[in-house]
C-alpha cells in the first residue's frame, strides 16, 4: 500500500495540463495532498502550499508522488536529484510514469540504503486473460473523448459520486495511473501487453448485480493517432451499455499533435457507437460531458445549451455544474 498523505511533485511541468495526475489527486482526494513541490520553470500550480522536502516531512507527508504525466513518461536527470533527496529525507516515492522507478539503479540503491519504498503503479500485477467477448451481467458506462485529457476520468468519478449519493449501485473502475493513485486499485491499461488489454478490462468489470453500474475510466481517443489503441480496448473489453462523449471545446489541435484537429462530436458519436455495438449491440450514447474550465460561466452555459440542441442529448460539465443530467440518463436505461 502507498502511504498517505502525499507531497505532490510537479517538477518542471510545462503547463497545467501536464500535471493532471497531481490535479486529480488534489481534486478527488484533497485530504491526501499536503502540498506541492515545484522546480524552477514549473508552469503548473495546484493552489497548494509550495513546500520544501523538509517542510513537507514536518507537515506529515509520507510519499512523494510524481504528479506529472509528461509525453513519454520520462524521469529526467533534474527530477532525479530531487527524488534522491526525497528518499534521503525519508519519503517513499510513487510514480505512474512509463519510465519506472525500479528501473533506475541509482534510485533503487538509495531506496535500499534508506529503507524506503518505490511504488510503480503502472506495472501490471495480474496475468490478464485474452478477451472472450462473453456478455457479462450488470451495466457499464464508458466516457470516450474527442482528444486525450479532456475530462473522461473526472466524468466517471463525478458520476460515481452522484450515483452513490442517490443510493444507486456504482463502482469507479480505474484504468490509468491517476485513477489508481486516487482509488488504490485498477488496471494500468497502457502498460498491459496489447493482446491482453481488452481482457484486462473484462477482468476489471466482472459480472455484477443487474442494477449495478461500472463507471469505467476512459483513456486516449479513437481519433488520437498516438493513443487510440487503449480506447479500442476499453470499448470492446468494457462492452459498455452507455457511452458519454467527452470534449474540450477551446483547443485548436489534438494534445501533442499540432497538425491534427479535433473531430466533431457527431464524428465521435458515430465512430465510437459503431465500434461499441460490435461487442454490445444494445449500447447507446446517452450524454455529453464538456470540459469548460477555460470558458466563462456565461460562455459555458451557452455552449452547453447549443450542444444539447445540436446533438439532442443532455450536456453538462460534471465537475463545474454537476453530473445529474448524465446520471439521469443512466437511470433511464
Protein backbone atom coordinates (compact mmCIF):
# COMPACT_ATOMS: atom_id res chain seq x y z
CA UNK A 1 0.00 0.00 0.00
CA UNK A 2 1.15 3.54 -0.76
CA UNK A 3 1.35 5.54 2.45
CA UNK A 4 -0.60 8.78 2.63
CA UNK A 5 -0.64 11.76 2.75
CA UNK A 6 1.33 12.88 -0.29
CA UNK A 7 3.65 15.67 -1.31
CA UNK A 8 2.76 16.24 -4.98
CA UNK A 9 5.81 16.67 -7.20
CA UNK A 10 5.15 18.93 -10.20
CA UNK A 11 8.76 19.12 -11.36
CA UNK A 12 9.25 21.48 -14.29
CA UNK A 13 5.79 20.86 -15.81
CA UNK A 14 5.47 22.96 -18.99
CA UNK A 15 1.77 23.69 -18.45
CA UNK A 16 -1.14 22.99 -16.12
CA UNK A 17 -2.40 20.01 -18.09
CA UNK A 18 0.95 18.24 -17.75
CA UNK A 19 0.26 17.99 -14.01
CA UNK A 20 -3.05 16.19 -14.47
CA UNK A 21 -2.06 13.34 -12.14
CA UNK A 22 -1.45 15.74 -9.26
CA UNK A 23 -4.56 17.75 -10.14
CA UNK A 24 -6.70 14.62 -10.00
CA UNK A 25 -5.38 13.69 -6.56
CA UNK A 26 -5.90 17.23 -5.26
CA UNK A 27 -9.45 17.43 -6.61
CA UNK A 28 -10.66 13.96 -5.58
CA UNK A 29 -8.54 13.15 -2.51
CA UNK A 30 -7.68 16.60 -1.06
CA UNK A 31 -7.10 15.07 2.37
CA UNK A 32 -4.08 13.24 0.89
CA UNK A 33 -2.48 16.36 -0.65
CA UNK A 34 -0.25 18.07 1.93
CA UNK A 35 1.43 20.42 -0.54
CA UNK A 36 3.23 20.75 -3.85
CA UNK A 37 6.91 20.72 -4.82
CA UNK A 38 7.79 22.78 -7.88
CA UNK A 39 11.15 23.15 -9.61
CA UNK A 40 12.42 26.24 -11.37
CA UNK A 41 10.47 26.90 -14.56
CA UNK A 42 7.38 24.97 -13.48
CA UNK A 43 4.29 26.35 -15.22
CA UNK A 44 1.74 24.34 -13.20
CA UNK A 45 0.20 25.42 -9.91
CA UNK A 46 -2.38 23.43 -7.92
CA UNK A 47 -3.02 26.26 -5.49
CA UNK A 48 -1.48 24.15 -2.72
CA UNK A 49 1.27 25.35 -0.42
CA UNK A 50 4.72 25.21 -2.02
CA UNK A 51 6.89 23.16 0.31
CA UNK A 52 10.45 22.04 0.59
CA UNK A 53 11.04 18.37 1.35
CA UNK A 54 11.80 19.21 4.96
CA UNK A 55 8.65 21.31 5.34
CA UNK A 56 6.50 18.60 3.81
CA UNK A 57 8.00 15.97 6.09
CA UNK A 58 7.26 18.13 9.12
CA UNK A 59 3.68 18.56 7.82
CA UNK A 60 3.23 14.78 7.83
CA UNK A 61 3.75 13.82 4.18
CA UNK A 62 4.92 10.23 3.76
CA UNK A 63 5.13 9.72 -0.02
CA UNK A 64 6.39 11.96 -2.80
CA UNK A 65 4.08 11.33 -5.75
CA UNK A 66 5.28 12.24 -9.23
CA UNK A 67 2.21 14.17 -10.32
CA UNK A 68 3.38 14.97 -13.83
CA UNK A 69 2.33 12.98 -16.90
CA UNK A 70 4.82 14.19 -19.50
CA UNK A 71 4.96 12.91 -23.09
CA UNK A 72 6.81 9.60 -23.00
CA UNK A 73 6.76 9.39 -19.19
CA UNK A 74 10.47 10.07 -18.67
CA UNK A 75 12.31 10.69 -15.38
CA UNK A 76 14.76 13.48 -16.19
CA UNK A 77 18.13 13.92 -14.51
CA UNK A 78 16.88 17.18 -12.98
CA UNK A 79 13.95 15.34 -11.40
CA UNK A 80 16.20 12.55 -10.21
CA UNK A 81 18.22 14.89 -8.00
CA UNK A 82 15.04 15.78 -6.12
CA UNK A 83 13.89 12.16 -5.95
CA UNK A 84 17.18 11.08 -4.39
CA UNK A 85 16.92 13.86 -1.82
CA UNK A 86 13.36 12.82 -1.05
CA UNK A 87 14.42 9.24 -0.34
CA UNK A 88 17.19 10.52 1.89
CA UNK A 89 14.68 12.76 3.66
CA UNK A 90 12.55 9.71 4.49
CA UNK A 91 9.91 9.76 1.75
CA UNK A 92 8.69 6.79 -0.23
CA UNK A 93 8.28 7.50 -3.97
CA UNK A 94 5.24 6.75 -6.14
CA UNK A 95 5.00 7.14 -9.89
CA UNK A 96 2.70 6.30 -12.75
CA UNK A 97 5.24 7.04 -15.48
CA UNK A 98 6.28 4.58 -18.17
CA UNK A 99 9.90 5.21 -17.05
CA UNK A 100 9.78 3.01 -13.94
CA UNK A 101 11.38 3.96 -10.65
CA UNK A 102 12.52 0.36 -10.18
CA UNK A 103 14.45 0.54 -13.46
CA UNK A 104 16.65 3.39 -12.19
CA UNK A 105 19.67 1.77 -10.46
CA UNK A 106 20.60 4.90 -8.51
CA UNK A 107 17.09 5.30 -7.11
CA UNK A 108 16.92 1.60 -6.24
CA UNK A 109 20.28 1.83 -4.45
CA UNK A 110 19.25 4.87 -2.41
CA UNK A 111 15.88 3.31 -1.56
CA UNK A 112 17.59 0.15 -0.32
CA UNK A 113 20.12 2.16 1.70
CA UNK A 114 17.42 4.31 3.33
CA UNK A 115 14.80 1.58 3.75
CA UNK A 116 12.28 3.44 1.60
CA UNK A 117 9.82 2.02 -0.95
CA UNK A 118 9.44 2.66 -4.68
CA UNK A 119 5.88 2.31 -5.99
CA UNK A 120 5.36 1.95 -9.76
CA UNK A 121 1.59 1.96 -10.25
CA UNK A 122 1.95 1.39 -14.00
CA UNK A 123 3.28 -2.14 -13.52
CA UNK A 124 0.54 -4.77 -14.08
CA UNK A 125 0.29 -7.08 -11.08
CA UNK A 126 -2.13 -9.61 -12.63
CA UNK A 127 -1.80 -12.08 -15.51
CA UNK A 128 -4.76 -10.85 -17.51
CA UNK A 129 -6.70 -13.15 -19.86
CA UNK A 130 -7.32 -12.67 -23.55
CA UNK A 131 -10.78 -11.14 -24.05
CA UNK A 132 -13.55 -13.63 -24.83
CA UNK A 133 -16.35 -11.17 -25.60
CA UNK A 134 -18.89 -13.06 -23.48
CA UNK A 135 -21.68 -10.77 -22.25
CA UNK A 136 -21.45 -10.04 -18.52
CA UNK A 137 -24.19 -9.22 -16.03
CA UNK A 138 -24.52 -5.70 -14.68
CA UNK A 139 -24.21 -2.41 -16.53
CA UNK A 140 -21.22 -0.42 -17.73
CA UNK A 141 -20.64 3.17 -18.79
CA UNK A 142 -17.58 4.49 -20.62
CA UNK A 143 -16.58 8.06 -21.46
CA UNK A 144 -14.94 8.43 -24.89
CA UNK A 145 -13.21 11.64 -25.92
CA UNK A 146 -12.51 13.82 -28.91
CA UNK A 147 -8.96 14.01 -27.54
CA UNK A 148 -6.74 12.94 -24.65
CA UNK A 149 -7.04 14.71 -21.28
CA UNK A 150 -10.49 16.18 -21.89
CA UNK A 151 -12.06 15.05 -18.61
CA UNK A 152 -13.01 11.40 -19.10
CA UNK A 153 -11.79 10.36 -15.64
CA UNK A 154 -13.44 13.36 -13.98
CA UNK A 155 -16.68 12.47 -15.73
CA UNK A 156 -16.65 8.90 -14.40
CA UNK A 157 -15.67 9.96 -10.88
CA UNK A 158 -18.29 12.71 -10.74
CA UNK A 159 -20.99 10.32 -11.95
CA UNK A 160 -19.92 7.66 -9.46
CA UNK A 161 -20.10 10.17 -6.59
CA UNK A 162 -23.55 11.35 -7.71
CA UNK A 163 -24.85 7.80 -8.06
CA UNK A 164 -23.62 6.82 -4.61
CA UNK A 165 -25.26 9.91 -3.15
CA UNK A 166 -28.54 8.81 -4.75
CA UNK A 167 -28.19 5.31 -3.32
CA UNK A 168 -27.53 3.74 -6.72
CA UNK A 169 -25.09 0.86 -7.08
CA UNK A 170 -21.90 2.01 -8.82
CA UNK A 171 -18.14 1.49 -8.86
CA UNK A 172 -15.46 3.68 -10.41
CA UNK A 173 -13.06 1.44 -12.34
CA UNK A 174 -9.60 3.00 -12.67
CA UNK A 175 -7.62 2.27 -15.84
CA UNK A 176 -4.78 4.82 -15.55
CA UNK A 177 -2.15 5.99 -13.12
CA UNK A 178 -4.17 8.91 -11.75
CA UNK A 179 -7.26 6.82 -11.08
CA UNK A 180 -5.16 4.12 -9.43
CA UNK A 181 -3.37 6.65 -7.21
CA UNK A 182 -6.74 8.14 -6.22
CA UNK A 183 -8.59 4.89 -5.52
CA UNK A 184 -5.74 2.49 -4.74
CA UNK A 185 -6.84 -0.12 -7.28
CA UNK A 186 -7.32 -0.66 -11.01
CA UNK A 187 -5.65 -1.73 -14.26
CA UNK A 188 -2.71 0.29 -15.69
CA UNK A 189 -4.13 -0.28 -19.16
CA UNK A 190 -1.47 1.39 -21.29
CA UNK A 191 1.18 -0.83 -19.69
CA UNK A 192 -0.66 -4.08 -20.47
CA UNK A 193 0.60 -6.15 -23.41
CA UNK A 194 -1.61 -5.35 -26.40
CA UNK A 195 -3.14 -8.83 -26.80
CA UNK A 196 -4.38 -8.71 -23.22
CA UNK A 197 -5.68 -5.13 -22.99
CA UNK A 198 -9.32 -5.92 -23.76
CA UNK A 199 -9.12 -8.95 -21.49
CA UNK A 200 -7.83 -6.81 -18.63
CA UNK A 201 -10.90 -4.58 -18.99
CA UNK A 202 -13.15 -7.64 -18.90
CA UNK A 203 -11.33 -8.71 -15.73
CA UNK A 204 -11.76 -5.24 -14.21
CA UNK A 205 -15.52 -5.16 -14.88
CA UNK A 206 -16.80 -8.65 -14.00
CA UNK A 207 -20.36 -9.94 -13.56
CA UNK A 208 -22.35 -7.84 -11.12
CA UNK A 209 -25.89 -7.12 -9.96
CA UNK A 210 -28.28 -6.25 -12.77
CA UNK A 211 -28.74 -2.73 -11.37
CA UNK A 212 -25.05 -2.09 -10.70
CA UNK A 213 -23.10 0.34 -12.89
CA UNK A 214 -19.36 0.20 -13.51
CA UNK A 215 -18.09 3.70 -14.40
CA UNK A 216 -15.03 2.87 -16.47
CA UNK A 217 -12.23 5.43 -16.62
CA UNK A 218 -11.71 6.40 -20.25
CA UNK A 219 -8.30 6.65 -21.92
CA UNK A 220 -6.94 8.20 -25.10
CA UNK A 221 -9.17 8.87 -28.10
CA UNK A 222 -10.14 6.92 -31.17
CA UNK A 223 -9.03 9.96 -33.16
CA UNK A 224 -5.62 10.36 -31.49
CA UNK A 225 -3.04 8.55 -33.61
CA UNK A 226 -0.72 8.08 -30.61
CA UNK A 227 -3.19 6.57 -28.13
CA UNK A 228 -6.18 5.13 -29.98
CA UNK A 229 -5.29 1.54 -29.06
CA UNK A 230 -6.21 1.87 -25.39
CA UNK A 231 -9.57 3.37 -26.34
CA UNK A 232 -10.40 0.40 -28.55
CA UNK A 233 -9.52 -1.99 -25.73
CA UNK A 234 -11.89 -0.15 -23.39
CA UNK A 235 -14.71 -0.13 -25.94
CA UNK A 236 -14.53 -3.84 -26.72
CA UNK A 237 -13.36 -5.14 -23.36
CA UNK A 238 -15.73 -2.89 -21.44
CA UNK A 239 -18.79 -3.80 -23.55
CA UNK A 240 -20.41 -0.53 -22.41
CA UNK A 241 -24.18 -0.22 -22.26
CA UNK A 242 -23.80 3.57 -22.29
CA UNK A 243 -21.28 5.95 -23.84
CA UNK A 244 -20.62 9.51 -22.67
CA UNK A 245 -18.99 11.80 -25.25
CA UNK A 246 -16.25 13.98 -23.70
CA UNK A 247 -14.97 17.19 -25.26
CA UNK A 248 -12.82 20.26 -24.54
CA UNK A 249 -14.02 23.00 -26.94
CA UNK A 250 -11.23 25.57 -26.59
CA UNK A 251 -8.40 23.52 -28.13
CA UNK A 252 -7.11 24.31 -31.60
CA UNK A 253 -5.42 20.93 -32.12
CA UNK A 254 -5.07 17.46 -30.63
CA UNK A 255 -2.96 17.18 -27.49
CA UNK A 256 0.65 16.75 -28.63
CA UNK A 257 -0.32 16.65 -32.33
CA UNK A 258 -0.29 20.22 -33.67
CA UNK A 259 -1.18 19.16 -37.22
CA UNK A 260 -4.30 17.21 -36.18
CA UNK A 261 -7.64 18.90 -35.49
CA UNK A 262 -10.20 17.59 -33.02
CA UNK A 263 -13.11 15.66 -34.53
CA UNK A 264 -16.67 16.88 -34.16
CA UNK A 265 -18.94 15.44 -31.51
CA UNK A 266 -21.02 13.98 -34.34
CA UNK A 267 -17.98 12.14 -35.73
CA UNK A 268 -17.09 10.84 -32.27
CA UNK A 269 -20.66 9.66 -31.69
CA UNK A 270 -20.89 7.80 -34.97
CA UNK A 271 -17.43 6.22 -34.80
CA UNK A 272 -17.48 5.18 -31.13
CA UNK A 273 -21.03 3.85 -31.19
CA UNK A 274 -20.43 1.74 -34.27
CA UNK A 275 -17.39 0.14 -32.67
CA UNK A 276 -19.16 -0.33 -29.32
CA UNK A 277 -22.04 -2.16 -30.98
CA UNK A 278 -19.59 -4.83 -32.16
CA UNK A 279 -19.28 -6.03 -28.53
CA UNK A 280 -22.66 -4.81 -27.26
CA UNK A 281 -25.37 -4.26 -29.89
CA UNK A 282 -27.56 -2.53 -27.29
CA UNK A 283 -25.03 0.22 -26.50
CA UNK A 284 -26.34 3.79 -26.60
CA UNK A 285 -24.80 7.26 -26.50
CA UNK A 286 -26.63 8.87 -23.57
CA UNK A 287 -24.94 12.20 -22.86
CA UNK A 288 -22.13 14.66 -23.38
CA UNK A 289 -19.50 15.84 -20.90
CA UNK A 290 -17.85 19.15 -21.75
CA UNK A 291 -14.71 20.43 -20.02
CA UNK A 292 -15.44 24.19 -19.73
CA UNK A 293 -12.61 25.15 -17.39
CA UNK A 294 -11.22 27.70 -19.87
CA UNK A 295 -14.62 29.33 -20.51
CA UNK A 296 -16.55 31.90 -18.50
CA UNK A 297 -19.69 30.63 -16.80
CA UNK A 298 -21.84 32.56 -19.27
CA UNK A 299 -20.00 31.17 -22.28
CA UNK A 300 -20.02 27.67 -20.80
CA UNK A 301 -23.77 27.75 -20.20
CA UNK A 302 -24.45 29.00 -23.71
CA UNK A 303 -22.15 26.38 -25.25
CA UNK A 304 -23.80 23.53 -23.33
CA UNK A 305 -27.25 24.70 -24.43
CA UNK A 306 -26.10 24.74 -28.07
CA UNK A 307 -24.59 21.26 -27.79
CA UNK A 308 -27.82 19.91 -26.32
CA UNK A 309 -29.83 21.48 -29.14
CA UNK A 310 -27.47 20.26 -31.87
CA UNK A 311 -26.95 16.74 -30.54
CA UNK A 312 -30.29 16.02 -28.89
CA UNK A 313 -28.50 14.74 -25.78
CA UNK A 314 -28.07 16.08 -22.24
CA UNK A 315 -24.82 18.02 -21.87
CA UNK A 316 -23.03 19.31 -18.79
CA UNK A 317 -19.64 19.99 -17.26
CA UNK A 318 -19.88 17.38 -14.49
CA UNK A 319 -17.12 18.93 -12.39
CA UNK A 320 -18.39 22.50 -12.69
CA UNK A 321 -22.16 22.09 -12.90
CA UNK A 322 -22.69 18.57 -11.57
CA UNK A 323 -23.28 15.24 -13.27
CA UNK A 324 -27.00 14.99 -12.54
CA UNK A 325 -28.06 15.07 -16.19
CA UNK A 326 -25.73 12.23 -17.08
CA UNK A 327 -26.81 10.10 -14.11
CA UNK A 328 -30.45 10.73 -15.02
CA UNK A 329 -29.67 9.37 -18.47
CA UNK A 330 -28.22 6.16 -16.99
CA UNK A 331 -31.13 5.77 -14.59
CA UNK A 332 -33.50 5.92 -17.55
CA UNK A 333 -31.90 2.93 -19.31
